[in-house]
Amino acid sequence: MKYLILVQGSQQDFDVAPSADEVAEIDAALRKFNQDLKEAGEFVEAQGLAAPVHTRRVQVKEGEPLVTDGPYGETQEVLIGYWMVECESFDRATQIAGLLSKCPGPESVIDVRPIVGSGQDF
């Protein structure tokens, strides 16, 4: 079964640049996290996203697409990155998210969502 592990953050997380040492620490931790998932055969894909200020939102208003640019409110949670994993259960995917939450970096909210059609019906 495949799951998306969705990391939520805010523009504030991007406004303060981490030091070179902090970047190196975060990078090393995430590389190890990804490598551990690969060795377990659970890694599918992972991507970090650009700062929310670089977001465009498209929504329908009166039958027409309306495009608005970021930034969004500093406290509004937005998607800042994701992992797609393939593992045995929702519990295992949740455990993986817990391990991710221990990596260095800004505090964030992490959601785990099953991918429909990837092995289990909901």
PDB file of N, CA and C in Angstrom:
ATOM      1  N   MET A   1       0.842  -1.171   0.000  1.00  0.00           N
ATOM      2  CA  MET A   1       0.000   0.000   0.000  1.00  0.00           C
ATOM      3  C   MET A   1       0.892   1.240   0.000  1.00  0.00           C
ATOM      4  N   LYS A   2       0.501   2.241  -0.758  1.00  0.00           N
ATOM      5  CA  LYS A   2       1.264   3.488  -0.811  1.00  0.00           C
ATOM      6  C   LYS A   2       0.587   4.546   0.057  1.00  0.00           C
ATOM      7  N   TYR A   3       1.430   5.392   0.631  1.00  0.00           N
ATOM      8  CA  TYR A   3       0.965   6.471   1.501  1.00  0.00           C
ATOM      9  C   TYR A   3       1.744   7.739   1.172  1.00  0.00           C
ATOM     10  N   LEU A   4       1.073   8.875   1.322  1.00  0.00           N
ATOM     11  CA  LEU A   4       1.757  10.164   1.249  1.00  0.00           C
ATOM     12  C   LEU A   4       1.963  10.661   2.662  1.00  0.00           C
ATOM     13  N   ILE A   5       3.167  11.074   2.942  1.00  0.00           N
ATOM     14  CA  ILE A   5       3.505  11.718   4.203  1.00  0.00           C
ATOM     15  C   ILE A   5       3.699  13.186   3.856  1.00  0.00           C
ATOM     16  N   LEU A   6       2.769  14.009   4.317  1.00  0.00           N
ATOM     17  CA  LEU A   6       2.695  15.416   3.924  1.00  0.00           C
ATOM     18  C   LEU A   6       3.193  16.297   5.062  1.00  0.00           C
ATOM     19  N   VAL A   7       4.217  17.085   4.792  1.00  0.00           N
ATOM     20  CA  VAL A   7       4.806  17.952   5.807  1.00  0.00           C
ATOM     21  C   VAL A   7       4.258  19.361   5.615  1.00  0.00           C
ATOM     22  N   GLN A   8       3.661  19.879   6.671  1.00  0.00           N
ATOM     23  CA  GLN A   8       3.058  21.214   6.644  1.00  0.00           C
ATOM     24  C   GLN A   8       3.985  22.207   7.339  1.00  0.00           C
ATOM     25  N   GLY A   9       4.039  23.413   6.818  1.00  0.00           N
ATOM     26  CA  GLY A   9       4.825  24.483   7.415  1.00  0.00           C
ATOM     27  C   GLY A   9       4.184  25.810   7.088  1.00  0.00           C
ATOM     28  N   SER A  10       4.943  26.877   7.223  1.00  0.00           N
ATOM     29  CA  SER A  10       4.429  28.208   6.903  1.00  0.00           C
ATOM     30  C   SER A  10       5.537  29.036   6.267  1.00  0.00           C
ATOM     31  N   GLN A  11       5.175  30.199   5.784  1.00  0.00           N
ATOM     32  CA  GLN A  11       6.168  31.099   5.200  1.00  0.00           C
ATOM     33  C   GLN A  11       7.250  31.436   6.224  1.00  0.00           C
ATOM     34  N   GLN A  12       6.875  31.506   7.498  1.00  0.00           N
ATOM     35  CA  GLN A  12       7.854  31.814   8.548  1.00  0.00           C
ATOM     36  C   GLN A  12       9.020  30.828   8.543  1.00  0.00           C
ATOM     37  N   ASP A  13       8.745  29.577   8.182  1.00  0.00           N
ATOM     38  CA  ASP A  13       9.806  28.576   8.149  1.00  0.00           C
ATOM     39  C   ASP A  13      10.867  28.904   7.102  1.00  0.00           C
ATOM     40  N   PHE A  14      10.505  29.684   6.106  1.00  0.00           N
ATOM     41  CA  PHE A  14      11.425  30.042   5.024  1.00  0.00           C
ATOM     42  C   PHE A  14      12.037  31.430   5.219  1.00  0.00           C
ATOM     43  N   ASP A  15      11.442  32.236   6.109  1.00  0.00           N
ATOM     44  CA  ASP A  15      11.883  33.617   6.271  1.00  0.00           C
ATOM     45  C   ASP A  15      13.220  33.738   6.993  1.00  0.00           C
ATOM     46  N   VAL A  16      13.513  32.802   7.876  1.00  0.00           N
ATOM     47  CA  VAL A  16      14.770  32.829   8.614  1.00  0.00           C
ATOM     48  C   VAL A  16      15.679  31.755   8.022  1.00  0.00           C
ATOM     49  N   ALA A  17      16.749  32.212   7.406  1.00  0.00           N
ATOM     50  CA  ALA A  17      17.667  31.261   6.766  1.00  0.00           C
ATOM     51  C   ALA A  17      18.479  30.528   7.830  1.00  0.00           C
ATOM     52  N   PRO A  18      18.526  29.206   7.752  1.00  0.00           N
ATOM     53  CA  PRO A  18      19.354  28.458   8.701  1.00  0.00           C
ATOM     54  C   PRO A  18      20.834  28.687   8.406  1.00  0.00           C
ATOM     55  N   SER A  19      21.659  28.487   9.420  1.00  0.00           N
ATOM     56  CA  SER A  19      23.105  28.618   9.233  1.00  0.00           C
ATOM     57  C   SER A  19      23.606  27.472   8.354  1.00  0.00           C
ATOM     58  N   ALA A  20      24.827  27.607   7.871  1.00  0.00           N
ATOM     59  CA  ALA A  20      25.423  26.550   7.044  1.00  0.00           C
ATOM     60  C   ALA A  20      25.509  25.244   7.827  1.00  0.00           C
ATOM     61  N   ASP A  21      25.827  25.330   9.115  1.00  0.00           N
ATOM     62  CA  ASP A  21      25.897  24.125   9.943  1.00  0.00           C
ATOM     63  C   ASP A  21      24.527  23.478  10.091  1.00  0.00           C
ATOM     64  N   GLU A  22      23.485  24.296  10.268  1.00  0.00           N
ATOM     65  CA  GLU A  22      22.125  23.760  10.383  1.00  0.00           C
ATOM     66  C   GLU A  22      21.692  23.090   9.081  1.00  0.00           C
ATOM     67  N   VAL A  23      22.011  23.719   7.957  1.00  0.00           N
ATOM     68  CA  VAL A  23      21.674  23.131   6.654  1.00  0.00           C
ATOM     69  C   VAL A  23      22.369  21.781   6.497  1.00  0.00           C
ATOM     70  N   ALA A  24      23.641  21.716   6.870  1.00  0.00           N
ATOM     71  CA  ALA A  24      24.394  20.463   6.764  1.00  0.00           C
ATOM     72  C   ALA A  24      23.785  19.388   7.667  1.00  0.00           C
ATOM     73  N   GLU A  25      23.367  19.771   8.872  1.00  0.00           N
ATOM     74  CA  GLU A  25      22.763  18.814   9.807  1.00  0.00           C
ATOM     75  C   GLU A  25      21.425  18.289   9.272  1.00  0.00           C
ATOM     76  N   ILE A  26      20.600  19.194   8.760  1.00  0.00           N
ATOM     77  CA  ILE A  26      19.299  18.805   8.194  1.00  0.00           C
ATOM     78  C   ILE A  26      19.505  17.904   6.985  1.00  0.00           C
ATOM     79  N   ASP A  27      20.414  18.306   6.095  1.00  0.00           N
ATOM     80  CA  ASP A  27      20.681  17.531   4.881  1.00  0.00           C
ATOM     81  C   ASP A  27      21.163  16.121   5.217  1.00  0.00           C
ATOM     82  N   ALA A  28      22.085  16.015   6.158  1.00  0.00           N
ATOM     83  CA  ALA A  28      22.609  14.699   6.538  1.00  0.00           C
ATOM     84  C   ALA A  28      21.511  13.820   7.133  1.00  0.00           C
ATOM     85  N   ALA A  29      20.668  14.398   7.976  1.00  0.00           N
ATOM     86  CA  ALA A  29      19.593  13.626   8.607  1.00  0.00           C
ATOM     87  C   ALA A  29      18.585  13.138   7.570  1.00  0.00           C
ATOM     88  N   LEU A  30      18.226  14.002   6.626  1.00  0.00           N
ATOM     89  CA  LEU A  30      17.245  13.607   5.609  1.00  0.00           C
ATOM     90  C   LEU A  30      17.824  12.593   4.629  1.00  0.00           C
ATOM     91  N   ARG A  31      19.105  12.727   4.302  1.00  0.00           N
ATOM     92  CA  ARG A  31      19.746  11.728   3.436  1.00  0.00           C
ATOM     93  C   ARG A  31      19.743  10.351   4.106  1.00  0.00           C
ATOM     94  N   LYS A  32      20.048  10.330   5.406  1.00  0.00           N
ATOM     95  CA  LYS A  32      20.032   9.059   6.136  1.00  0.00           C
ATOM     96  C   LYS A  32      18.613   8.508   6.224  1.00  0.00           C
ATOM     97  N   PHE A  33      17.650   9.371   6.508  1.00  0.00           N
ATOM     98  CA  PHE A  33      16.248   8.954   6.578  1.00  0.00           C
ATOM     99  C   PHE A  33      15.827   8.315   5.254  1.00  0.00           C
ATOM    100  N   ASN A  34      16.126   8.997   4.137  1.00  0.00           N
ATOM    101  CA  ASN A  34      15.777   8.465   2.812  1.00  0.00           C
ATOM    102  C   ASN A  34      16.511   7.157   2.523  1.00  0.00           C
ATOM    103  N   GLN A  35      17.788   7.095   2.877  1.00  0.00           N
ATOM    104  CA  GLN A  35      18.563   5.878   2.632  1.00  0.00           C
ATOM    105  C   GLN A  35      17.997   4.701   3.421  1.00  0.00           C
ATOM    106  N   ASP A  36      17.609   4.951   4.672  1.00  0.00           N
ATOM    107  CA  ASP A  36      17.007   3.883   5.481  1.00  0.00           C
ATOM    108  C   ASP A  36      15.721   3.370   4.832  1.00  0.00           C
ATOM    109  N   LEU A  37      14.904   4.289   4.304  1.00  0.00           N
ATOM    110  CA  LEU A  37      13.670   3.880   3.620  1.00  0.00           C
ATOM    111  C   LEU A  37      13.985   3.076   2.360  1.00  0.00           C
ATOM    112  N   LYS A  38      15.008   3.503   1.619  1.00  0.00           N
ATOM    113  CA  LYS A  38      15.401   2.776   0.403  1.00  0.00           C
ATOM    114  C   LYS A  38      15.871   1.368   0.746  1.00  0.00           C
ATOM    115  N   GLU A  39      16.684   1.256   1.779  1.00  0.00           N
ATOM    116  CA  GLU A  39      17.192  -0.060   2.175  1.00  0.00           C
ATOM    117  C   GLU A  39      16.070  -0.981   2.637  1.00  0.00           C
ATOM    118  N   ALA A  40      15.009  -0.399   3.203  1.00  0.00           N
ATOM    119  CA  ALA A  40      13.856  -1.187   3.646  1.00  0.00           C
ATOM    120  C   ALA A  40      12.885  -1.473   2.501  1.00  0.00           C
ATOM    121  N   GLY A  41      13.160  -0.893   1.314  1.00  0.00           N
ATOM    122  CA  GLY A  41      12.274  -1.077   0.166  1.00  0.00           C
ATOM    123  C   GLY A  41      10.976  -0.294   0.277  1.00  0.00           C
ATOM    124  N   GLU A  42      10.969   0.767   1.091  1.00  0.00           N
ATOM    125  CA  GLU A  42       9.743   1.534   1.333  1.00  0.00           C
ATOM    126  C   GLU A  42       9.733   2.904   0.650  1.00  0.00           C
ATOM    127  N   PHE A  43      10.873   3.360   0.175  1.00  0.00           N
ATOM    128  CA  PHE A  43      10.967   4.687  -0.438  1.00  0.00           C
ATOM    129  C   PHE A  43      10.415   4.652  -1.857  1.00  0.00           C
ATOM    130  N   VAL A  44       9.526   5.593  -2.172  1.00  0.00           N
ATOM    131  CA  VAL A  44       9.035   5.756  -3.541  1.00  0.00           C
ATOM    132  C   VAL A  44       9.520   7.088  -4.092  1.00  0.00           C
ATOM    133  N   GLU A  45       9.287   8.160  -3.354  1.00  0.00           N
ATOM    134  CA  GLU A  45       9.638   9.501  -3.834  1.00  0.00           C
ATOM    135  C   GLU A  45       9.584  10.474  -2.664  1.00  0.00           C
ATOM    136  N   ALA A  46      10.364  11.539  -2.750  1.00  0.00           N
ATOM    137  CA  ALA A  46      10.307  12.621  -1.763  1.00  0.00           C
ATOM    138  C   ALA A  46      10.709  13.914  -2.449  1.00  0.00           C
ATOM    139  N   GLN A  47      10.033  14.990  -2.095  1.00  0.00           N
ATOM    140  CA  GLN A  47      10.351  16.302  -2.659  1.00  0.00           C
ATOM    141  C   GLN A  47      10.078  17.383  -1.623  1.00  0.00           C
ATOM    142  N   GLY A  48      10.948  18.366  -1.579  1.00  0.00           N
ATOM    143  CA  GLY A  48      10.688  19.589  -0.833  1.00  0.00           C
ATOM    144  C   GLY A  48      10.118  20.604  -1.803  1.00  0.00           C
ATOM    145  N   LEU A  49       9.306  21.502  -1.304  1.00  0.00           N
ATOM    146  CA  LEU A  49       8.674  22.505  -2.159  1.00  0.00           C
ATOM    147  C   LEU A  49       9.258  23.884  -1.894  1.00  0.00           C
ATOM    148  N   ALA A  50       9.174  24.760  -2.887  1.00  0.00           N
ATOM    149  CA  ALA A  50       9.643  26.134  -2.745  1.00  0.00           C
ATOM    150  C   ALA A  50       8.819  26.852  -1.681  1.00  0.00           C
ATOM    151  N   ALA A  51       9.320  27.969  -1.224  1.00  0.00           N
ATOM    152  CA  ALA A  51       8.633  28.763  -0.201  1.00  0.00           C
ATOM    153  C   ALA A  51       7.212  29.110  -0.645  1.00  0.00           C
ATOM    154  N   PRO A  52       6.285  29.193   0.306  1.00  0.00           N
ATOM    155  CA  PRO A  52       4.897  29.513  -0.028  1.00  0.00           C
ATOM    156  C   PRO A  52       4.730  30.814  -0.811  1.00  0.00           C
ATOM    157  N   VAL A  53       5.671  31.742  -0.666  1.00  0.00           N
ATOM    158  CA  VAL A  53       5.591  33.001  -1.403  1.00  0.00           C
ATOM    159  C   VAL A  53       5.594  32.758  -2.911  1.00  0.00           C
ATOM    160  N   HIS A  54       6.070  31.601  -3.336  1.00  0.00           N
ATOM    161  CA  HIS A  54       6.122  31.260  -4.761  1.00  0.00           C
ATOM    162  C   HIS A  54       4.927  30.413  -5.206  1.00  0.00           C
ATOM    163  N   THR A  55       3.846  30.492  -4.460  1.00  0.00           N
ATOM    164  CA  THR A  55       2.649  29.697  -4.737  1.00  0.00           C
ATOM    165  C   THR A  55       1.678  30.456  -5.624  1.00  0.00           C
ATOM    166  N   ARG A  56       1.011  29.726  -6.484  1.00  0.00           N
ATOM    167  CA  ARG A  56      -0.155  30.250  -7.204  1.00  0.00           C
ATOM    168  C   ARG A  56      -1.321  29.336  -6.891  1.00  0.00           C
ATOM    169  N   ARG A  57      -2.441  29.944  -6.562  1.00  0.00           N
ATOM    170  CA  ARG A  57      -3.660  29.185  -6.272  1.00  0.00           C
ATOM    171  C   ARG A  57      -4.657  29.447  -7.387  1.00  0.00           C
ATOM    172  N   VAL A  58      -5.224  28.380  -7.915  1.00  0.00           N
ATOM    173  CA  VAL A  58      -6.251  28.484  -8.951  1.00  0.00           C
ATOM    174  C   VAL A  58      -7.543  27.960  -8.349  1.00  0.00           C
ATOM    175  N   GLN A  59      -8.576  28.798  -8.377  1.00  0.00           N
ATOM    176  CA  GLN A  59      -9.889  28.365  -7.901  1.00  0.00           C
ATOM    177  C   GLN A  59     -10.951  28.886  -8.853  1.00  0.00           C
ATOM    178  N   VAL A  60     -12.087  28.228  -8.860  1.00  0.00           N
ATOM    179  CA  VAL A  60     -13.162  28.604  -9.773  1.00  0.00           C
ATOM    180  C   VAL A  60     -14.076  29.614  -9.087  1.00  0.00           C
ATOM    181  N   LYS A  61     -14.298  30.733  -9.749  1.00  0.00           N
ATOM    182  CA  LYS A  61     -15.240  31.764  -9.302  1.00  0.00           C
ATOM    183  C   LYS A  61     -16.177  32.049 -10.457  1.00  0.00           C
ATOM    184  N   GLU A  62     -17.454  31.813 -10.235  1.00  0.00           N
ATOM    185  CA  GLU A  62     -18.476  32.050 -11.255  1.00  0.00           C
ATOM    186  C   GLU A  62     -18.129  31.331 -12.563  1.00  0.00           C
ATOM    187  N   GLY A  63     -17.638  30.100 -12.435  1.00  0.00           N
ATOM    188  CA  GLY A  63     -17.349  29.278 -13.600  1.00  0.00           C
ATOM    189  C   GLY A  63     -16.038  29.577 -14.300  1.00  0.00           C
ATOM    190  N   GLU A  64     -15.262  30.512 -13.788  1.00  0.00           N
ATOM    191  CA  GLU A  64     -13.990  30.888 -14.412  1.00  0.00           C
ATOM    192  C   GLU A  64     -12.836  30.671 -13.433  1.00  0.00           C
ATOM    193  N   PRO A  65     -11.675  30.285 -13.957  1.00  0.00           N
ATOM    194  CA  PRO A  65     -10.530  30.131 -13.061  1.00  0.00           C
ATOM    195  C   PRO A  65     -10.025  31.493 -12.585  1.00  0.00           C
ATOM    196  N   LEU A  66      -9.797  31.592 -11.301  1.00  0.00           N
ATOM    197  CA  LEU A  66      -9.241  32.796 -10.695  1.00  0.00           C
ATOM    198  C   LEU A  66      -7.887  32.417 -10.116  1.00  0.00           C
ATOM    199  N   VAL A  67      -6.845  33.108 -10.553  1.00  0.00           N
ATOM    200  CA  VAL A  67      -5.488  32.808 -10.112  1.00  0.00           C
ATOM    201  C   VAL A  67      -5.035  33.889  -9.148  1.00  0.00           C
ATOM    202  N   THR A  68      -4.547  33.460  -7.984  1.00  0.00           N
ATOM    203  CA  THR A  68      -3.973  34.396  -7.019  1.00  0.00           C
ATOM    204  C   THR A  68      -2.571  33.922  -6.677  1.00  0.00           C
ATOM    205  N   ASP A  69      -1.694  34.873  -6.403  1.00  0.00           N
ATOM    206  CA  ASP A  69      -0.315  34.571  -6.023  1.00  0.00           C
ATOM    207  C   ASP A  69      -0.173  34.606  -4.512  1.00  0.00           C
ATOM    208  N   GLY A  70       0.857  33.905  -4.003  1.00  0.00           N
ATOM    209  CA  GLY A  70       1.219  34.001  -2.593  1.00  0.00           C
ATOM    210  C   GLY A  70       1.830  35.362  -2.366  1.00  0.00           C
ATOM    211  N   PRO A  71       2.266  35.723  -1.196  1.00  0.00           N
ATOM    212  CA  PRO A  71       2.353  34.842  -0.035  1.00  0.00           C
ATOM    213  C   PRO A  71       1.029  34.743   0.702  1.00  0.00           C
ATOM    214  N   TYR A  72       0.966  33.739   1.526  1.00  0.00           N
ATOM    215  CA  TYR A  72      -0.203  33.537   2.367  1.00  0.00           C
ATOM    216  C   TYR A  72       0.174  33.906   3.783  1.00  0.00           C
ATOM    217  N   GLY A  73      -0.814  34.034   4.627  1.00  0.00           N
ATOM    218  CA  GLY A  73      -0.586  34.441   6.009  1.00  0.00           C
ATOM    219  C   GLY A  73       0.522  33.645   6.677  1.00  0.00           C
ATOM    220  N   GLU A  74       1.295  34.307   7.504  1.00  0.00           N
ATOM    221  CA  GLU A  74       2.455  33.677   8.122  1.00  0.00           C
ATOM    222  C   GLU A  74       2.096  32.449   8.950  1.00  0.00           C
ATOM    223  N   THR A  75       0.911  32.439   9.528  1.00  0.00           N
ATOM    224  CA  THR A  75       0.553  31.317  10.389  1.00  0.00           C
ATOM    225  C   THR A  75      -0.223  30.238   9.648  1.00  0.00           C
ATOM    226  N   GLN A  76      -0.597  30.483   8.408  1.00  0.00           N
ATOM    227  CA  GLN A  76      -1.354  29.488   7.649  1.00  0.00           C
ATOM    228  C   GLN A  76      -0.446  28.321   7.278  1.00  0.00           C
ATOM    229  N   GLU A  77      -0.902  27.122   7.601  1.00  0.00           N
ATOM    230  CA  GLU A  77      -0.125  25.945   7.235  1.00  0.00           C
ATOM    231  C   GLU A  77      -0.286  25.648   5.753  1.00  0.00           C
ATOM    232  N   VAL A  78       0.822  25.359   5.126  1.00  0.00           N
ATOM    233  CA  VAL A  78       0.835  24.993   3.713  1.00  0.00           C
ATOM    234  C   VAL A  78       1.761  23.792   3.544  1.00  0.00           C
ATOM    235  N   LEU A  79       1.578  23.080   2.460  1.00  0.00           N
ATOM    236  CA  LEU A  79       2.428  21.936   2.162  1.00  0.00           C
ATOM    237  C   LEU A  79       3.830  22.428   1.811  1.00  0.00           C
ATOM    238  N   ILE A  80       4.851  21.895   2.509  1.00  0.00           N
ATOM    239  CA  ILE A  80       6.226  22.303   2.212  1.00  0.00           C
ATOM    240  C   ILE A  80       7.080  21.137   1.712  1.00  0.00           C
ATOM    241  N   GLY A  81       6.535  19.932   1.778  1.00  0.00           N
ATOM    242  CA  GLY A  81       7.262  18.782   1.269  1.00  0.00           C
ATOM    243  C   GLY A  81       6.464  17.513   1.474  1.00  0.00           C
ATOM    244  N   TYR A  82       6.905  16.452   0.794  1.00  0.00           N
ATOM    245  CA  TYR A  82       6.194  15.187   0.942  1.00  0.00           C
ATOM    246  C   TYR A  82       7.124  14.007   0.698  1.00  0.00           C
ATOM    247  N   TRP A  83       6.725  12.884   1.247  1.00  0.00           N
ATOM    248  CA  TRP A  83       7.337  11.590   0.970  1.00  0.00           C
ATOM    249  C   TRP A  83       6.232  10.664   0.512  1.00  0.00           C
ATOM    250  N   MET A  84       6.490   9.872  -0.495  1.00  0.00           N
ATOM    251  CA  MET A  84       5.598   8.779  -0.848  1.00  0.00           C
ATOM    252  C   MET A  84       6.330   7.508  -0.445  1.00  0.00           C
ATOM    253  N   VAL A  85       5.649   6.692   0.348  1.00  0.00           N
ATOM    254  CA  VAL A  85       6.237   5.437   0.791  1.00  0.00           C
ATOM    255  C   VAL A  85       5.313   4.290   0.411  1.00  0.00           C
ATOM    256  N   GLU A  86       5.889   3.129   0.284  1.00  0.00           N
ATOM    257  CA  GLU A  86       5.102   1.921   0.059  1.00  0.00           C
ATOM    258  C   GLU A  86       5.480   0.955   1.172  1.00  0.00           C
ATOM    259  N   CYS A  87       4.508   0.656   2.020  1.00  0.00           N
ATOM    260  CA  CYS A  87       4.788  -0.176   3.179  1.00  0.00           C
ATOM    261  C   CYS A  87       3.578  -1.032   3.526  1.00  0.00           C
ATOM    262  N   GLU A  88       3.737  -1.859   4.520  1.00  0.00           N
ATOM    263  CA  GLU A  88       2.759  -2.900   4.837  1.00  0.00           C
ATOM    264  C   GLU A  88       1.459  -2.395   5.435  1.00  0.00           C
ATOM    265  N   SER A  89       1.476  -1.230   6.100  1.00  0.00           N
ATOM    266  CA  SER A  89       0.263  -0.816   6.807  1.00  0.00           C
ATOM    267  C   SER A  89       0.258   0.682   7.089  1.00  0.00           C
ATOM    268  N   PHE A  90      -0.930   1.175   7.424  1.00  0.00           N
ATOM    269  CA  PHE A  90      -1.106   2.562   7.845  1.00  0.00           C
ATOM    270  C   PHE A  90      -0.273   2.817   9.107  1.00  0.00           C
ATOM    271  N   ASP A  91      -0.236   1.827   9.994  1.00  0.00           N
ATOM    272  CA  ASP A  91       0.563   1.978  11.212  1.00  0.00           C
ATOM    273  C   ASP A  91       2.041   2.153  10.883  1.00  0.00           C
ATOM    274  N   ARG A  92       2.554   1.391   9.924  1.00  0.00           N
ATOM    275  CA  ARG A  92       3.960   1.528   9.541  1.00  0.00           C
ATOM    276  C   ARG A  92       4.201   2.894   8.912  1.00  0.00           C
ATOM    277  N   ALA A  93       3.296   3.364   8.063  1.00  0.00           N
ATOM    278  CA  ALA A  93       3.452   4.695   7.460  1.00  0.00           C
ATOM    279  C   ALA A  93       3.455   5.771   8.546  1.00  0.00           C
ATOM    280  N   THR A  94       2.620   5.597   9.548  1.00  0.00           N
ATOM    281  CA  THR A  94       2.576   6.547  10.663  1.00  0.00           C
ATOM    282  C   THR A  94       3.876   6.493  11.458  1.00  0.00           C
ATOM    283  N   GLN A  95       4.423   5.308  11.627  1.00  0.00           N
ATOM    284  CA  GLN A  95       5.708   5.162  12.306  1.00  0.00           C
ATOM    285  C   GLN A  95       6.809   5.881  11.523  1.00  0.00           C
ATOM    286  N   ILE A  96       6.791   5.749  10.210  1.00  0.00           N
ATOM    287  CA  ILE A  96       7.770   6.443   9.364  1.00  0.00           C
ATOM    288  C   ILE A  96       7.641   7.951   9.547  1.00  0.00           C
ATOM    289  N   ALA A  97       6.411   8.464   9.577  1.00  0.00           N
ATOM    290  CA  ALA A  97       6.193   9.898   9.795  1.00  0.00           C
ATOM    291  C   ALA A  97       6.748  10.324  11.151  1.00  0.00           C
ATOM    292  N   GLY A  98       6.592   9.474  12.159  1.00  0.00           N
ATOM    293  CA  GLY A  98       7.153   9.779  13.474  1.00  0.00           C
ATOM    294  C   GLY A  98       8.665   9.882  13.438  1.00  0.00           C
ATOM    295  N   LEU A  99       9.307   8.998  12.687  1.00  0.00           N
ATOM    296  CA  LEU A  99      10.760   9.070  12.528  1.00  0.00           C
ATOM    297  C   LEU A  99      11.160  10.353  11.813  1.00  0.00           C
ATOM    298  N   LEU A 100      10.404  10.723  10.794  1.00  0.00           N
ATOM    299  CA  LEU A 100      10.669  11.966  10.069  1.00  0.00           C
ATOM    300  C   LEU A 100      10.560  13.167  11.000  1.00  0.00           C
ATOM    301  N   SER A 101       9.588  13.145  11.896  1.00  0.00           N
ATOM    302  CA  SER A 101       9.383  14.284  12.800  1.00  0.00           C
ATOM    303  C   SER A 101      10.571  14.506  13.727  1.00  0.00           C
ATOM    304  N   LYS A 102      11.406  13.495  13.902  1.00  0.00           N
ATOM    305  CA  LYS A 102      12.580  13.617  14.769  1.00  0.00           C
ATOM    306  C   LYS A 102      13.783  14.224  14.052  1.00  0.00           C
ATOM    307  N   CYS A 103      13.699  14.365  12.724  1.00  0.00           N
ATOM    308  CA  CYS A 103      14.796  14.978  11.975  1.00  0.00           C
ATOM    309  C   CYS A 103      14.900  16.452  12.350  1.00  0.00           C
ATOM    310  N   PRO A 104      16.107  17.016  12.310  1.00  0.00           N
ATOM    311  CA  PRO A 104      16.249  18.435  12.632  1.00  0.00           C
ATOM    312  C   PRO A 104      15.542  19.305  11.597  1.00  0.00           C
ATOM    313  N   GLY A 105      15.138  20.486  12.030  1.00  0.00           N
ATOM    314  CA  GLY A 105      14.438  21.431  11.164  1.00  0.00           C
ATOM    315  C   GLY A 105      13.321  22.093  11.935  1.00  0.00           C
ATOM    316  N   PRO A 106      12.582  22.973  11.273  1.00  0.00           N
ATOM    317  CA  PRO A 106      11.492  23.651  11.976  1.00  0.00           C
ATOM    318  C   PRO A 106      10.415  22.657  12.408  1.00  0.00           C
ATOM    319  N   GLU A 107       9.754  22.972  13.511  1.00  0.00           N
ATOM    320  CA  GLU A 107       8.636  22.136  13.937  1.00  0.00           C
ATOM    321  C   GLU A 107       7.555  22.193  12.874  1.00  0.00           C
ATOM    322  N   SER A 108       6.934  21.055  12.624  1.00  0.00           N
ATOM    323  CA  SER A 108       5.919  21.016  11.580  1.00  0.00           C
ATOM    324  C   SER A 108       4.849  20.003  11.936  1.00  0.00           C
ATOM    325  N   VAL A 109       3.749  20.095  11.220  1.00  0.00           N
ATOM    326  CA  VAL A 109       2.675  19.120  11.321  1.00  0.00           C
ATOM    327  C   VAL A 109       2.856  18.151  10.166  1.00  0.00           C
ATOM    328  N   ILE A 110       2.712  16.864  10.437  1.00  0.00           N
ATOM    329  CA  ILE A 110       2.878  15.855   9.399  1.00  0.00           C
ATOM    330  C   ILE A 110       1.598  15.038   9.315  1.00  0.00           C
ATOM    331  N   ASP A 111       1.025  14.976   8.121  1.00  0.00           N
ATOM    332  CA  ASP A 111      -0.166  14.167   7.870  1.00  0.00           C
ATOM    333  C   ASP A 111       0.234  12.923   7.090  1.00  0.00           C
ATOM    334  N   VAL A 112      -0.440  11.819   7.366  1.00  0.00           N
ATOM    335  CA  VAL A 112      -0.234  10.572   6.628  1.00  0.00           C
ATOM    336  C   VAL A 112      -1.556  10.217   5.971  1.00  0.00           C
ATOM    337  N   ARG A 113      -1.521  10.041   4.642  1.00  0.00           N
ATOM    338  CA  ARG A 113      -2.754   9.720   3.910  1.00  0.00           C
ATOM    339  C   ARG A 113      -2.521   8.557   2.968  1.00  0.00           C
ATOM    340  N   PRO A 114      -3.414   7.562   3.037  1.00  0.00           N
ATOM    341  CA  PRO A 114      -3.332   6.450   2.089  1.00  0.00           C
ATOM    342  C   PRO A 114      -3.632   6.937   0.674  1.00  0.00           C
ATOM    343  N   ILE A 115      -2.997   6.323  -0.307  1.00  0.00           N
ATOM    344  CA  ILE A 115      -3.258   6.634  -1.706  1.00  0.00           C
ATOM    345  C   ILE A 115      -4.292   5.636  -2.220  1.00  0.00           C
ATOM    346  N   VAL A 116      -5.407   6.149  -2.663  1.00  0.00           N
ATOM    347  CA  VAL A 116      -6.508   5.319  -3.143  1.00  0.00           C
ATOM    348  C   VAL A 116      -6.047   4.505  -4.351  1.00  0.00           C
ATOM    349  N   GLY A 117      -6.437   3.247  -4.377  1.00  0.00           N
ATOM    350  CA  GLY A 117      -6.112   2.387  -5.508  1.00  0.00           C
ATOM    351  C   GLY A 117      -4.732   1.783  -5.454  1.00  0.00           C
ATOM    352  N   SER A 118      -4.028   1.945  -4.326  1.00  0.00           N
ATOM    353  CA  SER A 118      -2.668   1.409  -4.256  1.00  0.00           C
ATOM    354  C   SER A 118      -2.587   0.133  -3.430  1.00  0.00           C
ATOM    355  N   GLY A 119      -3.721  -0.493  -3.204  1.00  0.00           N
ATOM    356  CA  GLY A 119      -3.655  -1.771  -2.515  1.00  0.00           C
ATOM    357  C   GLY A 119      -4.750  -2.029  -1.510  1.00  0.00           C
ATOM    358  N   GLN A 120      -5.469  -1.007  -1.109  1.00  0.00           N
ATOM    359  CA  GLN A 120      -6.532  -1.198  -0.130  1.00  0.00           C
ATOM    360  C   GLN A 120      -7.663  -0.240  -0.451  1.00  0.00           C
ATOM    361  N   ASP A 121      -8.883  -0.713  -0.371  1.00  0.00           N
ATOM    362  CA  ASP A 121     -10.032   0.154  -0.623  1.00  0.00           C
ATOM    363  C   ASP A 121     -10.472   0.826   0.666  1.00  0.00           C
ATOM    364  N   PHE A 122     -10.969   2.047   0.537  1.00  0.00           N
ATOM    365  CA  PHE A 122     -11.446   2.788   1.710  1.00  0.00           C
ATOM    366  C   PHE A 122     -12.903   3.099   1.560  1.00  0.00           C
TER     367      PHE A 122
END
